[in-house]
Every structure is written in C-alpha cells, then in structure tokens.
PDB file of all heavy atoms in Angstrom:
ATOM      1  N   TYR A   1       0.848  -1.212   0.033  1.00  0.00           N
ATOM      2  CA  TYR A   1       0.072   0.064  -0.030  1.00  0.00           C
ATOM      3  C   TYR A   1       0.871   1.314   0.022  1.00  0.00           C
ATOM      4  O   TYR A   1       1.947   1.213   0.639  1.00  0.00           O
ATOM      5  CB  TYR A   1      -0.866   0.052   1.183  1.00  0.00           C
ATOM      6  CG  TYR A   1      -1.942  -1.012   1.389  1.00  0.00           C
ATOM      7  CD1 TYR A   1      -1.758  -2.016   2.243  1.00  0.00           C
ATOM      8  CD2 TYR A   1      -3.025  -1.006   0.591  1.00  0.00           C
ATOM      9  CE1 TYR A   1      -2.640  -3.170   2.322  1.00  0.00           C
ATOM     10  CE2 TYR A   1      -3.990  -2.033   0.715  1.00  0.00           C
ATOM     11  CZ  TYR A   1      -3.885  -3.082   1.639  1.00  0.00           C
ATOM     12  OH  TYR A   1      -4.761  -4.110   1.702  1.00  0.00           O
ATOM     13  N   VAL A   2       0.341   2.332  -0.536  1.00  0.00           N
ATOM     14  CA  VAL A   2       1.136   3.594  -0.594  1.00  0.00           C
ATOM     15  C   VAL A   2       0.133   4.640  -0.349  1.00  0.00           C
ATOM     16  O   VAL A   2      -0.891   4.845  -0.941  1.00  0.00           O
ATOM     17  CB  VAL A   2       1.774   3.745  -1.956  1.00  0.00           C
ATOM     18  CG1 VAL A   2       2.512   5.105  -2.044  1.00  0.00           C
ATOM     19  CG2 VAL A   2       2.670   2.649  -2.460  1.00  0.00           C
ATOM     20  N   ASP A   3       0.415   5.504   0.638  1.00  0.00           N
ATOM     21  CA  ASP A   3      -0.292   6.786   0.838  1.00  0.00           C
ATOM     22  C   ASP A   3       0.472   7.836   1.572  1.00  0.00           C
ATOM     23  O   ASP A   3       1.520   7.477   2.134  1.00  0.00           O
ATOM     24  CB  ASP A   3      -1.543   6.361   1.750  1.00  0.00           C
ATOM     25  CG  ASP A   3      -2.785   7.264   1.326  1.00  0.00           C
ATOM     26  OD1 ASP A   3      -2.621   8.567   1.778  1.00  0.00           O
ATOM     27  OD2 ASP A   3      -3.689   6.896   0.686  1.00  0.00           O
ATOM     28  N   VAL A   4       0.067   9.031   1.491  1.00  0.00           N
ATOM     29  CA  VAL A   4       0.727  10.094   2.146  1.00  0.00           C
ATOM     30  C   VAL A   4       0.160  10.689   3.214  1.00  0.00           C
ATOM     31  O   VAL A   4       0.584  11.420   4.100  1.00  0.00           O
ATOM     32  CB  VAL A   4       0.899  11.364   0.988  1.00  0.00           C
ATOM     33  CG1 VAL A   4      -0.308  12.010   0.753  1.00  0.00           C
ATOM     34  CG2 VAL A   4       2.000  12.366   1.442  1.00  0.00           C
ATOM     35  N   GLU A   5      -1.270  10.180   3.497  1.00  0.00           N
ATOM     36  CA  GLU A   5      -1.933  10.722   4.586  1.00  0.00           C
ATOM     37  C   GLU A   5      -1.528   9.915   5.833  1.00  0.00           C
ATOM     38  O   GLU A   5      -1.568   8.784   5.968  1.00  0.00           O
ATOM     39  CB  GLU A   5      -3.468  10.593   4.309  1.00  0.00           C
ATOM     40  CG  GLU A   5      -4.351  11.648   4.950  1.00  0.00           C
ATOM     41  CD  GLU A   5      -4.511  11.252   6.427  1.00  0.00           C
ATOM     42  OE1 GLU A   5      -4.603  10.093   6.814  1.00  0.00           O
ATOM     43  OE2 GLU A   5      -4.573  12.167   7.212  1.00  0.00           O
ATOM     44  N   PRO A   6      -1.114  10.695   6.962  1.00  0.00           N
ATOM     45  CA  PRO A   6      -0.554  10.056   8.085  1.00  0.00           C
ATOM     46  C   PRO A   6      -1.461   9.054   8.783  1.00  0.00           C
ATOM     47  O   PRO A   6      -1.088   8.050   9.330  1.00  0.00           O
ATOM     48  CB  PRO A   6      -0.205  11.245   9.008  1.00  0.00           C
ATOM     49  CG  PRO A   6       0.018  12.323   8.154  1.00  0.00           C
ATOM     50  CD  PRO A   6      -0.996  12.207   7.115  1.00  0.00           C
ATOM     51  N   VAL A   7      -2.914   9.429   8.879  1.00  0.00           N
ATOM     52  CA  VAL A   7      -3.735   8.474   9.508  1.00  0.00           C
ATOM     53  C   VAL A   7      -3.890   7.249   8.750  1.00  0.00           C
ATOM     54  O   VAL A   7      -4.023   6.089   9.253  1.00  0.00           O
ATOM     55  CB  VAL A   7      -5.058   9.270   9.643  1.00  0.00           C
ATOM     56  CG1 VAL A   7      -6.196   8.101  10.260  1.00  0.00           C
ATOM     57  CG2 VAL A   7      -4.947  10.338  10.668  1.00  0.00           C
ATOM     58  N   ALA A   8      -3.964   7.357   7.426  1.00  0.00           N
ATOM     59  CA  ALA A   8      -3.960   6.165   6.521  1.00  0.00           C
ATOM     60  C   ALA A   8      -2.833   5.238   6.732  1.00  0.00           C
ATOM     61  O   ALA A   8      -2.992   3.939   6.882  1.00  0.00           O
ATOM     62  CB  ALA A   8      -4.121   6.606   5.047  1.00  0.00           C
ATOM     63  N   VAL A   9      -1.647   5.765   6.739  1.00  0.00           N
ATOM     64  CA  VAL A   9      -0.490   5.042   6.895  1.00  0.00           C
ATOM     65  C   VAL A   9      -0.391   4.404   8.262  1.00  0.00           C
ATOM     66  O   VAL A   9       0.010   3.221   8.452  1.00  0.00           O
ATOM     67  CB  VAL A   9       0.882   5.848   6.768  1.00  0.00           C
ATOM     68  CG1 VAL A   9       2.036   4.972   7.014  1.00  0.00           C
ATOM     69  CG2 VAL A   9       0.731   6.402   5.323  1.00  0.00           C
ATOM     70  N   ALA A  10      -0.664   5.080   9.353  1.00  0.00           N
ATOM     71  CA  ALA A  10      -0.583   4.538  10.793  1.00  0.00           C
ATOM     72  C   ALA A  10      -1.663   3.531  10.979  1.00  0.00           C
ATOM     73  O   ALA A  10      -1.160   2.375  11.611  1.00  0.00           O
ATOM     74  CB  ALA A  10      -0.887   5.725  11.645  1.00  0.00           C
ATOM     75  N   THR A  11      -2.865   3.653  10.425  1.00  0.00           N
ATOM     76  CA  THR A  11      -3.826   2.580  10.643  1.00  0.00           C
ATOM     77  C   THR A  11      -3.483   1.455   9.801  1.00  0.00           C
ATOM     78  O   THR A  11      -3.856   0.258  10.246  1.00  0.00           O
ATOM     79  CB  THR A  11      -5.234   3.209  10.379  1.00  0.00           C
ATOM     80  OG1 THR A  11      -5.242   3.765   9.025  1.00  0.00           O
ATOM     81  CG2 THR A  11      -5.662   4.167  11.387  1.00  0.00           C
ATOM     82  N   THR A  12      -2.883   1.589   8.578  1.00  0.00           N
ATOM     83  CA  THR A  12      -2.636   0.502   7.846  1.00  0.00           C
ATOM     84  C   THR A  12      -1.451  -0.333   8.436  1.00  0.00           C
ATOM     85  O   THR A  12      -1.613  -1.686   8.479  1.00  0.00           O
ATOM     86  CB  THR A  12      -2.093   0.907   6.382  1.00  0.00           C
ATOM     87  OG1 THR A  12      -3.077   1.670   5.774  1.00  0.00           O
ATOM     88  CG2 THR A  12      -1.708  -0.149   5.550  1.00  0.00           C
ATOM     89  N   ARG A  13      -0.450   0.378   8.995  1.00  0.00           N
ATOM     90  CA  ARG A  13       0.559  -0.352   9.687  1.00  0.00           C
ATOM     91  C   ARG A  13      -0.038  -1.199  10.957  1.00  0.00           C
ATOM     92  O   ARG A  13       0.469  -2.317  11.184  1.00  0.00           O
ATOM     93  CB  ARG A  13       1.611   0.639  10.250  1.00  0.00           C
ATOM     94  CG  ARG A  13       2.593   1.158   9.120  1.00  0.00           C
ATOM     95  CD  ARG A  13       3.609   2.062   9.652  1.00  0.00           C
ATOM     96  NE  ARG A  13       4.514   2.466   8.504  1.00  0.00           N
ATOM     97  CZ  ARG A  13       5.018   3.694   8.393  1.00  0.00           C
ATOM     98  NH1 ARG A  13       4.883   4.496   9.411  1.00  0.00           N
ATOM     99  NH2 ARG A  13       5.882   3.905   7.430  1.00  0.00           N
ATOM    100  N   HIS A  14      -0.991  -0.548  11.666  1.00  0.00           N
ATOM    101  CA  HIS A  14      -1.607  -1.360  12.688  1.00  0.00           C
ATOM    102  C   HIS A  14      -2.229  -2.585  12.220  1.00  0.00           C
ATOM    103  O   HIS A  14      -2.219  -3.675  12.705  1.00  0.00           O
ATOM    104  CB  HIS A  14      -2.557  -0.388  13.435  1.00  0.00           C
ATOM    105  CG  HIS A  14      -3.313  -1.091  14.480  1.00  0.00           C
ATOM    106  ND1 HIS A  14      -2.906  -1.390  15.735  1.00  0.00           N
ATOM    107  CD2 HIS A  14      -4.651  -1.660  14.524  1.00  0.00           C
ATOM    108  CE1 HIS A  14      -3.805  -2.059  16.537  1.00  0.00           C
ATOM    109  NE2 HIS A  14      -4.874  -2.233  15.757  1.00  0.00           N
ATOM    110  N   LEU A  15      -3.058  -2.412  11.112  1.00  0.00           N
ATOM    111  CA  LEU A  15      -3.752  -3.471  10.669  1.00  0.00           C
ATOM    112  C   LEU A  15      -2.896  -4.637  10.099  1.00  0.00           C
ATOM    113  O   LEU A  15      -3.250  -5.767  10.129  1.00  0.00           O
ATOM    114  CB  LEU A  15      -4.671  -2.981   9.410  1.00  0.00           C
ATOM    115  CG  LEU A  15      -5.560  -4.039   8.814  1.00  0.00           C
ATOM    116  CD1 LEU A  15      -6.721  -4.519   9.670  1.00  0.00           C
ATOM    117  CD2 LEU A  15      -6.168  -3.339   7.473  1.00  0.00           C
ATOM    118  N   LEU A  16      -1.697  -4.230   9.533  1.00  0.00           N
ATOM    119  CA  LEU A  16      -0.846  -5.326   8.988  1.00  0.00           C
ATOM    120  C   LEU A  16       0.150  -5.948  10.044  1.00  0.00           C
ATOM    121  O   LEU A  16       1.046  -6.658   9.534  1.00  0.00           O
ATOM    122  CB  LEU A  16      -0.079  -4.742   7.829  1.00  0.00           C
ATOM    123  CG  LEU A  16      -0.936  -4.139   6.625  1.00  0.00           C
ATOM    124  CD1 LEU A  16      -0.127  -3.525   5.528  1.00  0.00           C
ATOM    125  CD2 LEU A  16      -1.763  -5.271   6.019  1.00  0.00           C
ATOM    126  N   GLU A  17      -0.035  -5.512  11.248  1.00  0.00           N
ATOM    127  CA  GLU A  17       0.907  -6.220  12.184  1.00  0.00           C
ATOM    128  C   GLU A  17       0.852  -7.689  12.218  1.00  0.00           C
ATOM    129  O   GLU A  17      -0.141  -8.300  12.246  1.00  0.00           O
ATOM    130  CB  GLU A  17       0.639  -5.714  13.614  1.00  0.00           C
ATOM    131  CG  GLU A  17       0.986  -4.305  13.867  1.00  0.00           C
ATOM    132  CD  GLU A  17       0.664  -3.845  15.188  1.00  0.00           C
ATOM    133  OE1 GLU A  17       0.137  -4.641  16.010  1.00  0.00           O
ATOM    134  OE2 GLU A  17       1.008  -2.669  15.638  1.00  0.00           O
ATOM    135  N   GLY A  18       2.030  -8.308  11.971  1.00  0.00           N
ATOM    136  CA  GLY A  18       2.170  -9.881  11.900  1.00  0.00           C
ATOM    137  C   GLY A  18       1.829 -10.425  10.466  1.00  0.00           C
ATOM    138  O   GLY A  18       1.926 -11.602  10.269  1.00  0.00           O
ATOM    139  N   ASN A  19       1.553  -9.506   9.427  1.00  0.00           N
ATOM    140  CA  ASN A  19       1.335  -9.952   8.094  1.00  0.00           C
ATOM    141  C   ASN A  19       2.724  -9.664   7.365  1.00  0.00           C
ATOM    142  O   ASN A  19       3.037  -8.678   6.930  1.00  0.00           O
ATOM    143  CB  ASN A  19       0.125  -9.118   7.518  1.00  0.00           C
ATOM    144  CG  ASN A  19      -0.200  -9.810   6.148  1.00  0.00           C
ATOM    145  OD1 ASN A  19       0.491 -10.316   5.398  1.00  0.00           O
ATOM    146  ND2 ASN A  19      -1.551  -9.624   5.714  1.00  0.00           N
ATOM    147  N   ASP A  20       3.422 -10.850   7.041  1.00  0.00           N
ATOM    148  CA  ASP A  20       4.707 -10.630   6.439  1.00  0.00           C
ATOM    149  C   ASP A  20       4.576 -10.451   4.890  1.00  0.00           C
ATOM    150  O   ASP A  20       5.641 -10.180   4.277  1.00  0.00           O
ATOM    151  CB  ASP A  20       5.575 -11.979   6.745  1.00  0.00           C
ATOM    152  CG  ASP A  20       5.906 -12.129   8.093  1.00  0.00           C
ATOM    153  OD1 ASP A  20       5.984 -11.052   8.895  1.00  0.00           O
ATOM    154  OD2 ASP A  20       6.157 -13.273   8.567  1.00  0.00           O
ATOM    155  N   HIS A  21       3.417 -10.636   4.417  1.00  0.00           N
ATOM    156  CA  HIS A  21       3.299 -10.443   2.867  1.00  0.00           C
ATOM    157  C   HIS A  21       2.516  -9.190   2.492  1.00  0.00           C
ATOM    158  O   HIS A  21       2.062  -9.002   1.303  1.00  0.00           O
ATOM    159  CB  HIS A  21       2.415 -11.667   2.437  1.00  0.00           C
ATOM    160  CG  HIS A  21       3.188 -12.913   2.348  1.00  0.00           C
ATOM    161  ND1 HIS A  21       2.541 -14.149   2.412  1.00  0.00           N
ATOM    162  CD2 HIS A  21       4.518 -13.155   2.623  1.00  0.00           C
ATOM    163  CE1 HIS A  21       3.518 -15.014   2.463  1.00  0.00           C
ATOM    164  NE2 HIS A  21       4.776 -14.485   2.577  1.00  0.00           N
ATOM    165  N   ALA A  22       2.435  -8.188   3.409  1.00  0.00           N
ATOM    166  CA  ALA A  22       1.748  -6.953   3.134  1.00  0.00           C
ATOM    167  C   ALA A  22       2.524  -5.751   3.900  1.00  0.00           C
ATOM    168  O   ALA A  22       3.048  -6.076   5.005  1.00  0.00           O
ATOM    169  CB  ALA A  22       0.331  -6.984   3.461  1.00  0.00           C
ATOM    170  N   GLY A  23       2.582  -4.620   3.234  1.00  0.00           N
ATOM    171  CA  GLY A  23       3.146  -3.553   3.995  1.00  0.00           C
ATOM    172  C   GLY A  23       2.701  -2.222   3.421  1.00  0.00           C
ATOM    173  O   GLY A  23       1.922  -2.252   2.466  1.00  0.00           O
ATOM    174  N   VAL A  24       3.168  -1.151   3.832  1.00  0.00           N
ATOM    175  CA  VAL A  24       2.832   0.212   3.562  1.00  0.00           C
ATOM    176  C   VAL A  24       3.957   1.182   3.375  1.00  0.00           C
ATOM    177  O   VAL A  24       4.793   0.946   4.279  1.00  0.00           O
ATOM    178  CB  VAL A  24       1.651   0.789   4.475  1.00  0.00           C
ATOM    179  CG1 VAL A  24       2.197   0.900   5.858  1.00  0.00           C
ATOM    180  CG2 VAL A  24       1.138   2.172   3.905  1.00  0.00           C
ATOM    181  N   VAL A  25       3.977   2.017   2.407  1.00  0.00           N
ATOM    182  CA  VAL A  25       4.950   3.049   2.219  1.00  0.00           C
ATOM    183  C   VAL A  25       4.359   4.334   2.516  1.00  0.00           C
ATOM    184  O   VAL A  25       3.252   4.721   1.853  1.00  0.00           O
ATOM    185  CB  VAL A  25       5.628   3.000   0.816  1.00  0.00           C
ATOM    186  CG1 VAL A  25       6.518   4.124   0.660  1.00  0.00           C
ATOM    187  CG2 VAL A  25       6.314   1.680   0.551  1.00  0.00           C
ATOM    188  N   HIS A  26       4.968   5.147   3.279  1.00  0.00           N
ATOM    189  CA  HIS A  26       4.523   6.659   3.600  1.00  0.00           C
ATOM    190  C   HIS A  26       5.133   7.455   2.546  1.00  0.00           C
ATOM    191  O   HIS A  26       6.292   7.896   2.723  1.00  0.00           O
ATOM    192  CB  HIS A  26       4.728   7.043   4.950  1.00  0.00           C
ATOM    193  CG  HIS A  26       4.247   8.311   5.311  1.00  0.00           C
ATOM    194  ND1 HIS A  26       4.470   8.971   6.455  1.00  0.00           N
ATOM    195  CD2 HIS A  26       3.224   9.115   4.633  1.00  0.00           C
ATOM    196  CE1 HIS A  26       3.731  10.087   6.657  1.00  0.00           C
ATOM    197  NE2 HIS A  26       2.936  10.225   5.466  1.00  0.00           N
ATOM    198  N   ALA A  27       4.396   7.746   1.399  1.00  0.00           N
ATOM    199  CA  ALA A  27       5.036   8.495   0.330  1.00  0.00           C
ATOM    200  C   ALA A  27       3.898   9.085  -0.451  1.00  0.00           C
ATOM    201  O   ALA A  27       2.865   8.567  -0.561  1.00  0.00           O
ATOM    202  CB  ALA A  27       5.949   7.576  -0.455  1.00  0.00           C
ATOM    203  N   ASP A  28       4.298  10.015  -1.260  1.00  0.00           N
ATOM    204  CA  ASP A  28       3.349  10.678  -2.176  1.00  0.00           C
ATOM    205  C   ASP A  28       3.417   9.882  -3.508  1.00  0.00           C
ATOM    206  O   ASP A  28       4.559   9.701  -4.116  1.00  0.00           O
ATOM    207  CB  ASP A  28       3.844  12.118  -2.438  1.00  0.00           C
ATOM    208  CG  ASP A  28       2.870  12.945  -3.253  1.00  0.00           C
ATOM    209  OD1 ASP A  28       2.134  12.326  -4.165  1.00  0.00           O
ATOM    210  OD2 ASP A  28       2.638  14.207  -3.008  1.00  0.00           O
ATOM    211  N   VAL A  29       2.348   9.456  -3.999  1.00  0.00           N
ATOM    212  CA  VAL A  29       2.387   8.575  -5.171  1.00  0.00           C
ATOM    213  C   VAL A  29       2.797   9.262  -6.423  1.00  0.00           C
ATOM    214  O   VAL A  29       3.260   8.581  -7.353  1.00  0.00           O
ATOM    215  CB  VAL A  29       0.860   8.099  -5.516  1.00  0.00           C
ATOM    216  CG1 VAL A  29       0.399   7.310  -4.395  1.00  0.00           C
ATOM    217  CG2 VAL A  29      -0.168   9.133  -5.824  1.00  0.00           C
ATOM    218  N   ARG A  30       2.919  10.668  -6.412  1.00  0.00           N
ATOM    219  CA  ARG A  30       3.483  11.441  -7.475  1.00  0.00           C
ATOM    220  C   ARG A  30       5.044  11.404  -7.416  1.00  0.00           C
ATOM    221  O   ARG A  30       5.593  11.961  -8.312  1.00  0.00           O
ATOM    222  CB  ARG A  30       3.017  12.798  -7.287  1.00  0.00           C
ATOM    223  CG  ARG A  30       1.537  12.945  -7.485  1.00  0.00           C
ATOM    224  CD  ARG A  30       0.929  14.420  -7.126  1.00  0.00           C
ATOM    225  NE  ARG A  30       1.035  14.561  -5.848  1.00  0.00           N
ATOM    226  CZ  ARG A  30       0.505  15.552  -5.135  1.00  0.00           C
ATOM    227  NH1 ARG A  30      -0.233  16.464  -5.889  1.00  0.00           N
ATOM    228  NH2 ARG A  30       0.590  15.793  -3.802  1.00  0.00           N
ATOM    229  N   ASP A  31       5.517  10.735  -6.508  1.00  0.00           N
ATOM    230  CA  ASP A  31       6.889  10.448  -6.501  1.00  0.00           C
ATOM    231  C   ASP A  31       7.362   9.020  -6.662  1.00  0.00           C
ATOM    232  O   ASP A  31       7.715   8.374  -5.654  1.00  0.00           O
ATOM    233  CB  ASP A  31       7.582  11.034  -5.123  1.00  0.00           C
ATOM    234  CG  ASP A  31       9.156  10.921  -5.002  1.00  0.00           C
ATOM    235  OD1 ASP A  31       9.759  10.533  -5.927  1.00  0.00           O
ATOM    236  OD2 ASP A  31       9.674  11.364  -4.078  1.00  0.00           O
ATOM    237  N   PRO A  32       7.262   8.495  -7.785  1.00  0.00           N
ATOM    238  CA  PRO A  32       7.289   7.016  -8.076  1.00  0.00           C
ATOM    239  C   PRO A  32       8.743   6.485  -7.451  1.00  0.00           C
ATOM    240  O   PRO A  32       8.770   5.417  -6.985  1.00  0.00           O
ATOM    241  CB  PRO A  32       7.283   6.828  -9.581  1.00  0.00           C
ATOM    242  CG  PRO A  32       6.571   8.094 -10.066  1.00  0.00           C
ATOM    243  CD  PRO A  32       7.017   9.186  -9.134  1.00  0.00           C
ATOM    244  N   ASP A  33       9.880   7.346  -7.691  1.00  0.00           N
ATOM    245  CA  ASP A  33      11.094   6.695  -7.170  1.00  0.00           C
ATOM    246  C   ASP A  33      11.097   6.516  -5.718  1.00  0.00           C
ATOM    247  O   ASP A  33      11.593   5.423  -5.213  1.00  0.00           O
ATOM    248  CB  ASP A  33      12.181   7.669  -7.519  1.00  0.00           C
ATOM    249  CG  ASP A  33      12.504   7.762  -9.005  1.00  0.00           C
ATOM    250  OD1 ASP A  33      12.165   6.784  -9.785  1.00  0.00           O
ATOM    251  OD2 ASP A  33      13.089   8.759  -9.569  1.00  0.00           O
ATOM    252  N   ALA A  34      10.436   7.364  -4.909  1.00  0.00           N
ATOM    253  CA  ALA A  34      10.328   7.239  -3.471  1.00  0.00           C
ATOM    254  C   ALA A  34       9.569   5.864  -3.147  1.00  0.00           C
ATOM    255  O   ALA A  34       9.899   5.221  -2.233  1.00  0.00           O
ATOM    256  CB  ALA A  34       9.657   8.379  -2.816  1.00  0.00           C
ATOM    257  N   VAL A  35       8.717   5.626  -3.943  1.00  0.00           N
ATOM    258  CA  VAL A  35       7.794   4.283  -3.826  1.00  0.00           C
ATOM    259  C   VAL A  35       8.676   3.156  -4.237  1.00  0.00           C
ATOM    260  O   VAL A  35       8.801   2.219  -3.425  1.00  0.00           O
ATOM    261  CB  VAL A  35       6.526   4.347  -4.544  1.00  0.00           C
ATOM    262  CG1 VAL A  35       5.735   3.054  -4.411  1.00  0.00           C
ATOM    263  CG2 VAL A  35       5.611   5.534  -4.008  1.00  0.00           C
ATOM    264  N   LEU A  36       9.032   3.253  -5.396  1.00  0.00           N
ATOM    265  CA  LEU A  36       9.716   1.905  -5.973  1.00  0.00           C
ATOM    266  C   LEU A  36      11.041   1.631  -5.468  1.00  0.00           C
ATOM    267  O   LEU A  36      11.506   0.539  -5.475  1.00  0.00           O
ATOM    268  CB  LEU A  36       9.869   2.147  -7.580  1.00  0.00           C
ATOM    269  CG  LEU A  36       8.592   2.356  -8.343  1.00  0.00           C
ATOM    270  CD1 LEU A  36       8.781   2.735  -9.790  1.00  0.00           C
ATOM    271  CD2 LEU A  36       7.729   1.007  -8.238  1.00  0.00           C
ATOM    272  N   ASP A  37      11.839   2.758  -5.045  1.00  0.00           N
ATOM    273  CA  ASP A  37      13.085   2.547  -4.352  1.00  0.00           C
ATOM    274  C   ASP A  37      12.913   2.214  -2.738  1.00  0.00           C
ATOM    275  O   ASP A  37      13.985   2.184  -2.116  1.00  0.00           O
ATOM    276  CB  ASP A  37      14.104   3.688  -4.687  1.00  0.00           C
ATOM    277  CG  ASP A  37      14.308   3.756  -6.032  1.00  0.00           C
ATOM    278  OD1 ASP A  37      14.161   2.846  -6.797  1.00  0.00           O
ATOM    279  OD2 ASP A  37      14.796   4.960  -6.521  1.00  0.00           O
ATOM    280  N   SER A  38      11.735   2.184  -2.270  1.00  0.00           N
ATOM    281  CA  SER A  38      11.632   1.956  -0.803  1.00  0.00           C
ATOM    282  C   SER A  38      11.960   0.479  -0.344  1.00  0.00           C
ATOM    283  O   SER A  38      11.927  -0.336  -1.156  1.00  0.00           O
ATOM    284  CB  SER A  38      10.183   2.373  -0.432  1.00  0.00           C
ATOM    285  OG  SER A  38       9.319   1.296  -0.986  1.00  0.00           O
ATOM    286  N   PRO A  39      12.519   0.467   0.855  1.00  0.00           N
ATOM    287  CA  PRO A  39      12.881  -0.873   1.319  1.00  0.00           C
ATOM    288  C   PRO A  39      11.582  -1.799   1.170  1.00  0.00           C
ATOM    289  O   PRO A  39      11.633  -3.036   1.060  1.00  0.00           O
ATOM    290  CB  PRO A  39      13.208  -0.682   2.829  1.00  0.00           C
ATOM    291  CG  PRO A  39      13.685   0.772   2.835  1.00  0.00           C
ATOM    292  CD  PRO A  39      12.843   1.408   1.796  1.00  0.00           C
ATOM    293  N   GLU A  40      10.375  -1.316   1.461  1.00  0.00           N
ATOM    294  CA  GLU A  40       9.103  -1.994   1.548  1.00  0.00           C
ATOM    295  C   GLU A  40       8.943  -2.767   0.087  1.00  0.00           C
ATOM    296  O   GLU A  40       8.553  -3.787   0.059  1.00  0.00           O
ATOM    297  CB  GLU A  40       7.957  -1.244   1.937  1.00  0.00           C
ATOM    298  CG  GLU A  40       7.957  -0.860   3.402  1.00  0.00           C
ATOM    299  CD  GLU A  40       8.741   0.496   3.682  1.00  0.00           C
ATOM    300  OE1 GLU A  40       9.405   0.934   2.545  1.00  0.00           O
ATOM    301  OE2 GLU A  40       8.732   1.044   4.735  1.00  0.00           O
TER     302      GLU A  40
END
C-alpha cells in the first residue's frame, strides 16, 4: 500500500501487524522513485 496521509499510513501499519506479505509506504504517489526504491 502507498499513501501520504498520516492516519491512513498509521492505521494500515496497525492492521498489517504480523502480516509478512503486506506492507505500507508513507510516500506521495506522485514521487514514483520514493515508492519503487523503498525498502518495503
């Protein structure tokens, strides 16, 4: 998942705790390099 809104990112991280096959990047989708080059 990718979103720039802090509540969206925080709640997604909470929801995904313990899920090794899903994650979230806190980034603006208009910055593809920040998304694609992220550790996630």
